[in-house]
Amino acid sequence: MRKLNDLFKRYYTKELDNTDKSVYDLFKWEKRDVKLMDYKTNEVLLDMKDLEFPSHYSQNAVDIIASKYFRKRGVNNELGYENSMKMVVHRMVNFWAESLADEGLIETEKEKSIFYDEMVFGLLNQMYAPNSPQWFNTGLKLSYGISGGQNDLFYYDINKKKVLKSKDTYTRTQASACFILSIEDKLLGSHSISEQYTTETKLFKGGSGTGTNFSNLRANGEKLSGGGVSSGLMSFLKGFDRNAGAIKSGGTTRRAAKMVCLDIDHPEIEDFITWKAEEEDKVRALAKMGYDAGMDGEAYETVSGQNSNNSLRISDEFMQKVIDLDKNPDAKITLKGRVDSSVDRDVYVRDLWEKFNSAACKAADPAPQFTDTFNAWHTCPKGEDGDLYAKHNMLNSTNPCGEYAFLDDTSCNLASLNLYRFYNPDTNEFDIDGFKHMIGLNQLLLEASIHWGQFPTEDIARKTHLFRTTGLGIANIASLLMAMGIPYDSEESRAISASLVGLITGESYAVSALMAEKVSPFEKYELN
């Protein structure tokens, strides 16, 4: 019978007798320079010399890694910064190995050595990559003693069975790229509008992204308990958008990642649908006036709505009315106030549908997310409290890119497998065994990042521990198909793609079961 220990085998490396050699000696290394310029202003953005990389790395890869992921200060060497890919790889892989040993998934020094060597090889050979926050944050304290400040981050202590505040920023890691936050219709307190600013700021600072369904917020004109009326959902969305634009992800030039979802029956849904498209019209008008309409130019800095991916949460009922428009062209939907029915009104389905399609065509946003379909596939519909399909236990939003759909106030850390690296063009063969081997090890690294992870709120720390969601995806499917000489738009390409993704899914589930056998399933497994 297969056991978790079976994953710790040498597939790409071998045990070395010569202690002067290591897995890093399996690659040829060379020194590279990185100089990045803003060619509009001739400003030097980055100038680093004699950086050590494997010789097979493209200059583009070197530029990206050095500019985005090398730690620039606080490193305990003579330079004060990371100057070798060896350093970056070691601090991440070593952290994962130590975390797995602490959790009990790695039992022996031999298993730790195998895991370390195989994962170092895979990362240096570009066979997989963890998500950006891992590169930014993971292993900084363990490898360099960099602790950072106390930034109100939290983790779940397994022994004490409660959430505790992290003592610093980097002893643990903010390794998750994907967060889904809940928000309530209140200005202050837990899950409030003001806390949303703080939580999003923590996430963007660490290189993570966030998604939220904002449908709980009352619409423009709804009455307030203290008198007067609400300024409305859109006023707050514009504020959140400005906040995201001001904070660069991970402290680098990478833009903050943000998903904004809104239910189809919200009273401000029409303004939400047309928001980006109308802002794009302003950009075009400003460009005609001579303003810079580049991505970070004056025109885009002037308008709102540019820092998020927007999605409509659409019900089956609404879509059925769309399908039946030929039979019932005057079909309507009721937009409902969140707390005040005086703003309720009926609108034509055809008008909403046309606005949606027109806006998406002009600005590529908003996108559709089909709420009922999402929740029909929900794997944990009882959540943590057993309240089946309660609003707080439904799938209400996704992460910014849409691939993580789970409960509110949870997180998921991701890794991607580079399919092309498992393909041999000389023999036209795909290394299935090596692929499965790397799937298993990647699931272990993702689990390690939860065990020694930390999170921006107490709820996210608790629920991430309770459910332990991870994500493993693919990269370079197009390159693989091109190298194989298979047209993208063909039955063969779809069959190959489906088979490889299916293999990731099945092997990941199998490895999950092996981990559960060793250290128990996630705490809310039985309930769901």
Protein backbone atom coordinates (compact mmCIF):
# COMPACT_ATOMS: atom_id res chain seq x y z
CA MET A 1 0.00 0.00 0.00
CA ARG A 2 1.25 3.48 -0.92
CA LYS A 3 2.52 5.63 1.96
CA LEU A 4 3.55 9.26 2.26
CA ASN A 5 7.16 8.15 2.78
CA ASP A 6 7.11 6.85 -0.80
CA LEU A 7 7.13 10.45 -2.03
CA PHE A 8 10.63 10.94 -0.65
CA LYS A 9 12.58 9.32 -3.45
CA ARG A 10 15.38 10.55 -5.66
CA TYR A 11 14.13 10.97 -9.20
CA TYR A 12 16.21 13.87 -10.51
CA THR A 13 19.09 13.78 -8.04
CA LYS A 14 21.32 11.21 -6.42
CA GLU A 15 22.94 10.90 -3.02
CA LEU A 16 26.42 12.35 -3.25
CA ASP A 17 29.42 10.68 -1.63
CA ASN A 18 31.56 13.76 -2.06
CA THR A 19 30.55 16.20 0.67
CA ASP A 20 32.08 19.07 -1.31
CA LYS A 21 29.34 18.65 -3.91
CA SER A 22 25.65 19.47 -3.66
CA VAL A 23 22.51 19.58 -5.79
CA TYR A 24 23.60 23.04 -6.97
CA ASP A 25 26.55 21.44 -8.75
CA LEU A 26 24.14 19.71 -11.14
CA PHE A 27 23.84 23.06 -12.96
CA LYS A 28 26.30 25.29 -14.75
CA TRP A 29 26.41 28.77 -13.23
CA GLU A 30 27.40 32.12 -14.66
CA LYS A 31 27.42 35.78 -13.66
CA ARG A 32 24.79 38.07 -15.16
CA ASP A 33 24.17 41.82 -15.03
CA VAL A 34 20.72 43.36 -14.77
CA LYS A 35 20.09 46.94 -15.83
CA LEU A 36 16.49 48.09 -16.20
CA MET A 37 15.69 51.54 -17.59
CA ASP A 38 12.66 53.74 -17.92
CA TYR A 39 13.23 54.63 -21.55
CA LYS A 40 10.85 57.60 -21.41
CA THR A 41 12.86 59.37 -18.72
CA ASN A 42 16.22 57.53 -19.05
CA GLU A 43 15.96 56.80 -15.33
CA VAL A 44 17.87 53.73 -14.15
CA LEU A 45 15.35 51.55 -12.32
CA LEU A 46 17.74 48.76 -11.35
CA ASP A 47 21.46 48.21 -11.85
CA MET A 48 22.89 45.01 -10.33
CA LYS A 49 26.07 43.31 -11.44
CA ASP A 50 27.64 39.86 -11.06
CA LEU A 51 24.44 38.07 -10.14
CA GLU A 52 24.70 34.29 -10.12
CA PHE A 53 22.22 32.28 -12.19
CA PRO A 54 22.08 28.92 -13.96
CA SER A 55 23.47 29.40 -17.44
CA HIS A 56 20.30 28.13 -19.14
CA TYR A 57 18.20 31.02 -17.77
CA SER A 58 17.02 33.58 -20.30
CA GLN A 59 17.90 37.21 -19.67
CA ASN A 60 14.19 37.90 -19.26
CA ALA A 61 13.98 35.37 -16.43
CA VAL A 62 17.08 36.86 -14.82
CA ASP A 63 15.64 40.39 -15.05
CA ILE A 64 12.34 39.36 -13.48
CA ILE A 65 13.86 37.35 -10.63
CA ALA A 66 16.47 39.96 -9.76
CA SER A 67 14.10 42.93 -9.91
CA LYS A 68 11.09 41.34 -8.23
CA TYR A 69 12.29 38.54 -5.97
CA PHE A 70 15.86 39.14 -4.80
CA ARG A 71 15.81 40.52 -1.26
CA LYS A 72 17.38 43.96 -1.59
CA ARG A 73 18.34 44.75 2.01
CA GLY A 74 19.01 43.17 5.37
CA VAL A 75 20.77 40.05 4.05
CA ASN A 76 23.69 38.97 6.24
CA ASN A 77 26.39 38.88 3.57
CA GLU A 78 28.99 41.46 2.57
CA LEU A 79 26.65 42.98 -0.01
CA GLY A 80 23.55 43.21 2.17
CA TYR A 81 21.32 41.76 -0.54
CA GLU A 82 20.69 38.50 -2.38
CA ASN A 83 22.95 38.17 -5.40
CA SER A 84 22.52 34.51 -6.33
CA MET A 85 19.63 32.32 -7.33
CA LYS A 86 21.14 29.76 -4.93
CA MET A 87 20.29 32.04 -2.01
CA VAL A 88 16.67 32.55 -3.03
CA VAL A 89 16.08 28.86 -3.69
CA HIS A 90 17.72 27.77 -0.44
CA ARG A 91 15.75 30.13 1.79
CA MET A 92 12.42 28.90 0.37
CA VAL A 93 13.12 25.16 0.11
CA ASN A 94 14.88 25.01 3.47
CA PHE A 95 11.87 26.71 5.11
CA TRP A 96 9.45 24.20 3.56
CA ALA A 97 11.62 21.26 4.66
CA GLU A 98 11.85 22.51 8.25
CA SER A 99 8.11 23.20 8.38
CA LEU A 100 7.28 19.70 7.11
CA ALA A 101 9.59 18.19 9.70
CA ASP A 102 7.92 20.25 12.43
CA GLU A 103 4.47 19.07 11.30
CA GLY A 104 5.58 15.45 11.22
CA LEU A 105 5.22 14.91 7.47
CA ILE A 106 8.99 14.54 7.18
CA GLU A 107 10.29 12.07 9.77
CA THR A 108 13.97 11.56 9.10
CA GLU A 109 17.03 13.54 8.04
CA LYS A 110 17.23 11.34 4.95
CA GLU A 111 13.69 12.30 3.92
CA LYS A 112 14.49 15.96 4.54
CA SER A 113 17.65 15.71 2.42
CA ILE A 114 15.77 14.05 -0.45
CA PHE A 115 12.95 16.61 -0.33
CA TYR A 116 15.46 19.47 -0.27
CA ASP A 117 17.54 18.20 -3.19
CA GLU A 118 14.58 17.27 -5.40
CA MET A 119 12.81 20.59 -4.79
CA VAL A 120 15.98 22.62 -5.32
CA PHE A 121 16.57 20.78 -8.60
CA GLY A 122 12.97 21.30 -9.74
CA LEU A 123 13.01 25.00 -8.94
CA LEU A 124 16.40 25.67 -10.54
CA ASN A 125 15.36 23.66 -13.58
CA GLN A 126 12.19 25.80 -13.87
CA MET A 127 9.93 22.76 -13.47
CA TYR A 128 7.69 24.53 -10.98
CA ALA A 129 7.31 27.89 -9.30
CA PRO A 130 5.55 28.93 -6.10
CA ASN A 131 3.35 32.03 -6.09
CA SER A 132 4.89 35.48 -5.62
CA PRO A 133 4.48 35.89 -1.83
CA GLN A 134 6.72 32.86 -1.30
CA TRP A 135 9.53 34.59 -3.20
CA PHE A 136 8.97 37.83 -1.27
CA ASN A 137 8.57 36.48 2.26
CA THR A 138 9.46 32.84 2.82
CA GLY A 139 12.56 31.98 4.84
CA LEU A 140 13.84 35.49 5.47
CA LYS A 141 14.12 34.97 9.24
CA LEU A 142 15.31 31.37 9.05
CA SER A 143 18.04 32.09 6.49
CA TYR A 144 19.08 35.69 7.25
CA GLY A 145 17.67 36.57 10.64
CA ILE A 146 15.41 39.22 9.09
CA SER A 147 12.39 39.45 11.36
CA GLY A 148 10.62 42.65 10.30
CA GLY A 149 8.21 44.50 12.55
CA GLN A 150 5.07 43.29 14.30
CA ASN A 151 2.40 43.92 11.69
CA ASP A 152 -0.70 42.44 13.37
CA LEU A 153 -0.41 39.10 11.60
CA PHE A 154 -1.91 35.93 13.04
CA TYR A 155 -1.46 32.17 13.02
CA TYR A 156 -3.25 29.15 14.48
CA ASP A 157 -1.31 27.41 17.24
CA ILE A 158 -2.04 23.70 16.88
CA ASN A 159 -0.94 22.86 20.43
CA LYS A 160 -2.88 25.65 22.14
CA LYS A 161 -5.77 25.27 19.66
CA LYS A 162 -6.28 28.97 19.24
CA VAL A 163 -5.23 31.91 17.09
CA LEU A 164 -2.21 33.87 18.30
CA LYS A 165 -0.53 37.04 17.11
CA SER A 166 2.74 36.49 15.23
CA LYS A 167 5.79 37.85 17.02
CA ASP A 168 7.22 39.32 13.83
CA THR A 169 6.79 39.45 10.06
CA TYR A 170 9.16 36.76 8.82
CA THR A 171 9.57 33.96 11.37
CA ARG A 172 6.45 32.59 9.75
CA THR A 173 5.50 33.36 6.16
CA GLN A 174 2.70 35.11 4.36
CA ALA A 175 2.89 32.58 1.56
CA SER A 176 -0.66 32.62 0.24
CA ALA A 177 -1.32 34.62 -2.92
CA CYS A 178 -5.08 34.22 -2.82
CA PHE A 179 -7.44 35.53 -0.16
CA ILE A 180 -11.21 35.87 -0.05
CA LEU A 181 -12.44 38.42 2.48
CA SER A 182 -15.91 39.02 3.84
CA ILE A 183 -17.29 42.49 4.50
CA GLU A 184 -20.24 43.66 6.53
CA ASP A 185 -22.36 46.79 6.15
CA LYS A 186 -20.74 48.83 8.91
CA LEU A 187 -18.05 51.48 9.09
CA LEU A 188 -16.10 50.24 12.11
CA GLY A 189 -15.24 46.97 13.82
CA SER A 190 -14.57 43.43 12.70
CA HIS A 191 -15.24 42.83 8.97
CA SER A 192 -16.17 46.49 8.56
CA ILE A 193 -15.47 48.86 5.71
CA SER A 194 -12.59 50.45 7.62
CA GLU A 195 -11.07 47.06 8.49
CA GLN A 196 -11.23 46.13 4.79
CA TYR A 197 -8.73 48.92 4.06
CA THR A 198 -6.35 47.60 6.71
CA THR A 199 -6.63 43.95 5.68
CA GLU A 200 -6.20 44.67 1.99
CA THR A 201 -3.16 46.82 2.78
CA LYS A 202 -1.55 43.97 4.75
CA LEU A 203 -2.17 41.59 1.86
CA PHE A 204 -0.87 43.87 -0.88
CA LYS A 205 2.23 44.67 1.18
CA GLY A 206 3.03 40.95 1.38
CA GLY A 207 2.49 40.40 -2.34
CA SER A 208 -0.91 38.72 -2.02
CA GLY A 209 -4.22 39.40 -3.72
CA THR A 210 -7.75 39.61 -2.39
CA GLY A 211 -11.30 39.04 -3.55
CA THR A 212 -14.51 40.21 -1.90
CA ASN A 213 -18.21 40.18 -2.68
CA PHE A 214 -19.35 43.68 -1.72
CA SER A 215 -23.07 43.01 -2.07
CA ASN A 216 -23.67 43.42 1.67
CA LEU A 217 -22.98 47.15 1.43
CA ARG A 218 -26.09 49.28 1.17
CA ALA A 219 -26.73 51.25 -1.98
CA ASN A 220 -26.75 54.97 -2.62
CA GLY A 221 -29.86 56.47 -1.01
CA GLU A 222 -30.52 53.74 1.54
CA LYS A 223 -31.30 55.10 4.99
CA LEU A 224 -28.69 55.16 7.75
CA SER A 225 -29.54 54.35 11.37
CA GLY A 226 -28.18 57.70 12.54
CA GLY A 227 -30.20 59.67 10.02
CA GLY A 228 -29.43 60.65 6.44
CA VAL A 229 -28.71 58.26 3.59
CA SER A 230 -25.77 56.17 2.44
CA SER A 231 -23.32 57.52 -0.11
CA GLY A 232 -23.48 54.09 -1.66
CA LEU A 233 -21.42 51.11 -2.61
CA MET A 234 -19.60 52.74 -5.53
CA SER A 235 -18.17 55.52 -3.34
CA PHE A 236 -16.45 52.89 -1.18
CA LEU A 237 -15.30 50.82 -4.17
CA LYS A 238 -13.57 53.90 -5.56
CA GLY A 239 -11.79 54.40 -2.23
CA PHE A 240 -10.62 50.78 -2.13
CA ASP A 241 -9.42 51.15 -5.71
CA ARG A 242 -7.27 54.16 -4.80
CA ASN A 243 -5.82 52.30 -1.84
CA ALA A 244 -4.82 49.38 -4.06
CA GLY A 245 -3.22 51.73 -6.56
CA ALA A 246 -1.11 53.39 -3.88
CA ILE A 247 0.34 50.14 -2.48
CA LYS A 248 2.63 48.18 -4.74
CA SER A 249 2.41 44.44 -4.26
CA GLY A 250 5.17 43.00 -2.11
CA GLY A 251 6.85 46.39 -1.93
CA THR A 252 7.86 46.12 -5.60
CA THR A 253 6.60 47.59 -8.85
CA ARG A 254 4.10 44.73 -9.22
CA ARG A 255 0.52 46.02 -9.14
CA ALA A 256 -1.81 45.03 -6.33
CA ALA A 257 -4.21 42.21 -7.24
CA LYS A 258 -7.88 42.65 -6.35
CA MET A 259 -11.21 41.04 -7.27
CA VAL A 260 -14.48 42.92 -6.76
CA CYS A 261 -17.71 40.92 -7.01
CA LEU A 262 -21.29 42.19 -6.92
CA ASP A 263 -24.57 40.27 -7.00
CA ILE A 264 -26.81 40.90 -10.00
CA ASP A 265 -29.67 42.21 -7.82
CA HIS A 266 -27.73 45.01 -6.08
CA PRO A 267 -29.33 48.46 -6.63
CA GLU A 268 -26.05 49.90 -7.96
CA ILE A 269 -25.39 47.03 -10.35
CA GLU A 270 -25.78 49.24 -13.44
CA ASP A 271 -23.15 51.72 -12.26
CA PHE A 272 -20.89 48.81 -11.36
CA ILE A 273 -21.29 47.21 -14.79
CA THR A 274 -20.40 50.39 -16.67
CA TRP A 275 -17.76 51.65 -14.22
CA LYS A 276 -14.60 50.59 -16.03
CA ALA A 277 -15.95 51.17 -19.53
CA GLU A 278 -16.85 54.76 -18.69
CA GLU A 279 -13.47 55.33 -17.07
CA GLU A 280 -11.83 54.02 -20.24
CA ASP A 281 -13.80 56.64 -22.20
CA LYS A 282 -12.24 59.29 -19.97
CA VAL A 283 -8.77 57.91 -20.66
CA ARG A 284 -9.33 58.12 -24.41
CA ALA A 285 -10.56 61.70 -24.05
CA LEU A 286 -7.53 62.64 -21.97
CA ALA A 287 -5.22 60.99 -24.50
CA LYS A 288 -6.66 63.22 -27.22
CA MET A 289 -5.81 66.19 -25.00
CA GLY A 290 -2.19 65.09 -24.87
CA TYR A 291 -2.05 63.24 -21.57
CA ASP A 292 0.06 60.06 -21.34
CA ALA A 293 -2.36 57.13 -21.74
CA GLY A 294 0.21 54.45 -20.93
CA MET A 295 -0.50 51.94 -18.18
CA ASP A 296 1.06 54.14 -15.48
CA GLY A 297 0.58 57.42 -17.30
CA GLU A 298 -1.28 60.53 -16.19
CA ALA A 299 -4.54 59.55 -17.86
CA TYR A 300 -4.97 56.26 -16.01
CA GLU A 301 -3.78 57.81 -12.74
CA THR A 302 -6.62 60.31 -13.06
CA VAL A 303 -9.46 57.80 -13.41
CA SER A 304 -10.78 55.13 -11.04
CA GLY A 305 -11.47 51.42 -11.26
CA GLN A 306 -8.11 50.41 -12.71
CA ASN A 307 -6.77 48.27 -9.86
CA SER A 308 -9.35 45.50 -9.71
CA ASN A 309 -10.87 42.72 -11.75
CA ASN A 310 -14.65 43.13 -11.56
CA SER A 311 -17.16 40.28 -11.75
CA LEU A 312 -20.93 39.97 -11.75
CA ARG A 313 -22.36 37.21 -9.59
CA ILE A 314 -25.19 35.93 -11.76
CA SER A 315 -27.95 33.54 -10.67
CA ASP A 316 -29.46 30.70 -12.68
CA GLU A 317 -32.80 32.53 -12.51
CA PHE A 318 -31.36 35.57 -14.25
CA MET A 319 -29.59 33.48 -16.89
CA GLN A 320 -32.77 31.57 -17.63
CA LYS A 321 -34.50 34.88 -18.29
CA VAL A 322 -31.67 35.81 -20.64
CA ILE A 323 -32.07 32.50 -22.48
CA ASP A 324 -35.84 33.09 -22.74
CA LEU A 325 -35.65 36.70 -23.96
CA ASP A 326 -36.97 35.72 -27.38
CA LYS A 327 -40.11 34.40 -25.70
CA ASN A 328 -40.33 37.06 -23.02
CA PRO A 329 -38.47 40.23 -24.11
CA ASP A 330 -39.96 42.26 -21.26
CA ALA A 331 -38.64 40.03 -18.48
CA LYS A 332 -37.52 41.97 -15.42
CA ILE A 333 -35.39 41.51 -12.32
CA THR A 334 -35.89 43.30 -9.01
CA LEU A 335 -32.93 45.22 -7.61
CA LYS A 336 -33.19 45.07 -3.85
CA GLY A 337 -31.93 47.44 -1.19
CA ARG A 338 -29.71 45.80 1.37
CA VAL A 339 -31.52 47.27 4.40
CA ASP A 340 -34.05 49.69 2.90
CA SER A 341 -36.75 48.49 0.50
CA SER A 342 -37.60 52.04 -0.55
CA VAL A 343 -34.82 51.87 -3.15
CA ASP A 344 -36.13 48.62 -4.69
CA ARG A 345 -36.89 48.81 -8.40
CA ASP A 346 -37.51 46.58 -11.37
CA VAL A 347 -35.24 46.71 -14.42
CA TYR A 348 -35.41 44.93 -17.76
CA VAL A 349 -33.20 41.86 -18.02
CA ARG A 350 -32.38 42.72 -21.61
CA ASP A 351 -31.05 46.15 -20.59
CA LEU A 352 -28.77 44.72 -17.91
CA TRP A 353 -27.56 42.01 -20.28
CA GLU A 354 -26.80 44.52 -23.03
CA LYS A 355 -24.96 46.83 -20.64
CA PHE A 356 -22.92 43.92 -19.37
CA ASN A 357 -21.90 42.74 -22.83
CA SER A 358 -21.16 46.24 -24.09
CA ALA A 359 -19.00 47.09 -21.07
CA ALA A 360 -17.11 43.79 -21.21
CA CYS A 361 -16.43 44.34 -24.90
CA LYS A 362 -15.08 47.86 -24.31
CA ALA A 363 -13.08 47.30 -21.12
CA ALA A 364 -12.75 43.50 -20.65
CA ASP A 365 -14.67 43.94 -17.38
CA PRO A 366 -16.87 42.93 -15.72
CA ALA A 367 -16.73 39.15 -16.12
CA PRO A 368 -19.50 36.68 -15.24
CA GLN A 369 -19.37 34.38 -12.22
CA PHE A 370 -22.33 32.02 -12.05
CA THR A 371 -23.27 31.85 -8.38
CA ASP A 372 -25.58 28.83 -8.46
CA THR A 373 -23.18 26.82 -10.61
CA PHE A 374 -20.28 27.67 -8.30
CA ASN A 375 -22.21 26.51 -5.27
CA ALA A 376 -23.44 23.32 -6.92
CA TRP A 377 -19.75 22.32 -6.99
CA HIS A 378 -19.08 23.51 -3.43
CA THR A 379 -16.93 20.96 -1.56
CA CYS A 380 -17.53 22.37 1.94
CA PRO A 381 -21.11 23.76 1.95
CA LYS A 382 -21.45 23.37 5.72
CA GLY A 383 -18.46 25.59 6.35
CA GLU A 384 -17.07 25.52 9.87
CA ASP A 385 -20.39 25.70 11.77
CA GLY A 386 -22.54 23.16 9.91
CA ASP A 387 -25.08 25.73 8.64
CA LEU A 388 -25.64 24.24 5.18
CA TYR A 389 -25.54 26.86 2.40
CA ALA A 390 -25.93 29.78 4.79
CA LYS A 391 -24.78 32.98 3.10
CA HIS A 392 -21.51 32.96 5.03
CA ASN A 393 -20.90 29.33 4.01
CA MET A 394 -21.49 29.87 0.30
CA LEU A 395 -18.98 30.58 -2.44
CA ASN A 396 -19.45 34.34 -2.70
CA SER A 397 -16.28 35.47 -4.45
CA THR A 398 -13.01 34.29 -5.93
CA ASN A 399 -9.43 35.48 -5.72
CA PRO A 400 -8.31 38.14 -8.27
CA CYS A 401 -7.62 35.66 -11.07
CA GLY A 402 -10.71 33.57 -10.42
CA GLU A 403 -9.12 30.15 -9.89
CA TYR A 404 -9.61 30.04 -6.12
CA ALA A 405 -13.29 29.76 -5.20
CA PHE A 406 -13.92 28.91 -1.57
CA LEU A 407 -15.34 30.16 1.71
CA ASP A 408 -15.04 33.79 2.78
CA ASP A 409 -12.13 34.59 5.09
CA THR A 410 -9.88 31.82 3.80
CA SER A 411 -6.65 31.77 1.83
CA CYS A 412 -4.89 29.53 -0.65
CA ASN A 413 -1.24 29.36 -1.60
CA LEU A 414 -0.45 28.26 -5.13
CA ALA A 415 2.28 26.72 -7.24
CA SER A 416 2.49 26.10 -10.97
CA LEU A 417 4.06 23.22 -12.85
CA ASN A 418 5.88 24.09 -16.07
CA LEU A 419 4.57 21.41 -18.43
CA TYR A 420 7.18 22.09 -21.09
CA ARG A 421 10.00 21.05 -18.73
CA PHE A 422 8.60 17.51 -18.55
CA TYR A 423 8.63 17.11 -22.35
CA ASN A 424 11.52 15.66 -24.34
CA PRO A 425 11.38 17.08 -27.90
CA ASP A 426 13.93 14.56 -29.16
CA THR A 427 11.75 11.57 -28.29
CA ASN A 428 8.38 13.36 -28.31
CA GLU A 429 7.67 11.91 -24.85
CA PHE A 430 6.17 13.47 -21.75
CA ASP A 431 7.70 12.30 -18.46
CA ILE A 432 4.56 11.18 -16.62
CA ASP A 433 6.46 9.64 -13.70
CA GLY A 434 8.54 12.78 -13.15
CA PHE A 435 5.42 14.90 -13.45
CA LYS A 436 3.61 12.88 -10.77
CA HIS A 437 6.70 12.99 -8.57
CA MET A 438 6.79 16.79 -8.74
CA ILE A 439 3.03 17.05 -8.12
CA GLY A 440 3.46 15.22 -4.83
CA LEU A 441 6.40 17.30 -3.68
CA ASN A 442 4.61 20.51 -4.61
CA GLN A 443 1.59 19.55 -2.53
CA LEU A 444 3.97 19.07 0.38
CA LEU A 445 5.48 22.54 -0.09
CA LEU A 446 1.97 24.04 -0.17
CA GLU A 447 1.03 22.24 3.04
CA ALA A 448 4.28 23.40 4.65
CA SER A 449 3.32 26.98 3.86
CA ILE A 450 0.06 26.62 5.78
CA HIS A 451 1.69 24.95 8.77
CA TRP A 452 4.18 27.78 9.25
CA GLY A 453 2.01 30.41 7.62
CA GLN A 454 0.52 33.62 9.00
CA PHE A 455 -2.46 35.69 7.98
CA PRO A 456 -3.85 39.24 8.16
CA THR A 457 -6.88 38.53 10.38
CA GLU A 458 -7.74 36.10 13.14
CA ASP A 459 -10.64 34.66 11.13
CA ILE A 460 -8.44 33.91 8.11
CA ALA A 461 -5.78 32.32 10.32
CA ARG A 462 -8.38 30.07 11.93
CA LYS A 463 -10.29 29.09 8.79
CA THR A 464 -7.16 28.51 6.72
CA HIS A 465 -6.04 26.07 9.41
CA LEU A 466 -9.48 24.43 9.54
CA PHE A 467 -9.68 23.80 5.76
CA ARG A 468 -6.04 23.92 4.53
CA THR A 469 -6.81 24.76 0.90
CA THR A 470 -3.98 24.60 -1.64
CA GLY A 471 -3.77 25.16 -5.37
CA LEU A 472 -1.62 23.56 -8.03
CA GLY A 473 -1.86 24.69 -11.63
CA ILE A 474 -0.14 24.45 -14.99
CA ALA A 475 2.07 26.79 -16.99
CA ASN A 476 3.30 26.68 -20.58
CA ILE A 477 0.58 24.43 -22.00
CA ALA A 478 0.79 26.52 -25.19
CA SER A 479 4.54 25.95 -25.46
CA LEU A 480 4.06 22.22 -24.93
CA LEU A 481 1.42 21.95 -27.65
CA MET A 482 3.50 24.04 -30.04
CA ALA A 483 6.57 21.87 -29.47
CA MET A 484 4.45 18.77 -30.06
CA GLY A 485 3.13 20.25 -33.28
CA ILE A 486 -0.47 20.07 -32.14
CA PRO A 487 -2.91 22.89 -33.02
CA TYR A 488 -4.36 24.65 -29.98
CA ASP A 489 -7.88 24.44 -31.36
CA SER A 490 -8.10 20.69 -31.86
CA GLU A 491 -9.61 17.69 -30.16
CA GLU A 492 -6.12 16.31 -29.55
CA SER A 493 -4.92 19.44 -27.75
CA ARG A 494 -8.02 19.48 -25.57
CA ALA A 495 -7.58 15.81 -24.73
CA ILE A 496 -3.92 16.30 -23.79
CA SER A 497 -4.69 19.38 -21.69
CA ALA A 498 -7.59 17.68 -19.92
CA SER A 499 -5.49 14.59 -19.25
CA LEU A 500 -2.63 16.55 -17.70
CA VAL A 501 -4.93 18.67 -15.52
CA GLY A 502 -6.84 15.53 -14.55
CA LEU A 503 -3.57 13.90 -13.58
CA ILE A 504 -2.70 16.86 -11.37
CA THR A 505 -6.12 16.64 -9.72
CA GLY A 506 -6.05 12.90 -9.12
CA GLU A 507 -2.47 12.80 -7.87
CA SER A 508 -3.05 15.83 -5.63
CA TYR A 509 -6.08 14.14 -4.06
CA ALA A 510 -4.05 10.98 -3.54
CA VAL A 511 -1.24 12.88 -1.85
CA SER A 512 -3.78 14.75 0.26
CA ALA A 513 -5.10 11.40 1.45
CA LEU A 514 -1.57 10.24 2.30
CA MET A 515 -0.96 13.40 4.32
CA ALA A 516 -4.30 12.97 6.09
CA GLU A 517 -3.41 9.38 6.97
CA LYS A 518 -0.23 10.59 8.61
CA VAL A 519 -1.32 13.76 10.44
CA SER A 520 -5.18 13.56 10.19
CA PRO A 521 -7.58 15.21 7.72
CA PHE A 522 -8.29 18.93 7.92
CA GLU A 523 -10.39 19.66 10.98
CA LYS A 524 -13.68 20.36 9.17
CA TYR A 525 -13.44 17.33 6.90
CA GLU A 526 -16.02 15.17 8.70
CA LEU A 527 -18.53 18.02 8.95
CA ASN A 528 -18.40 18.52 5.19
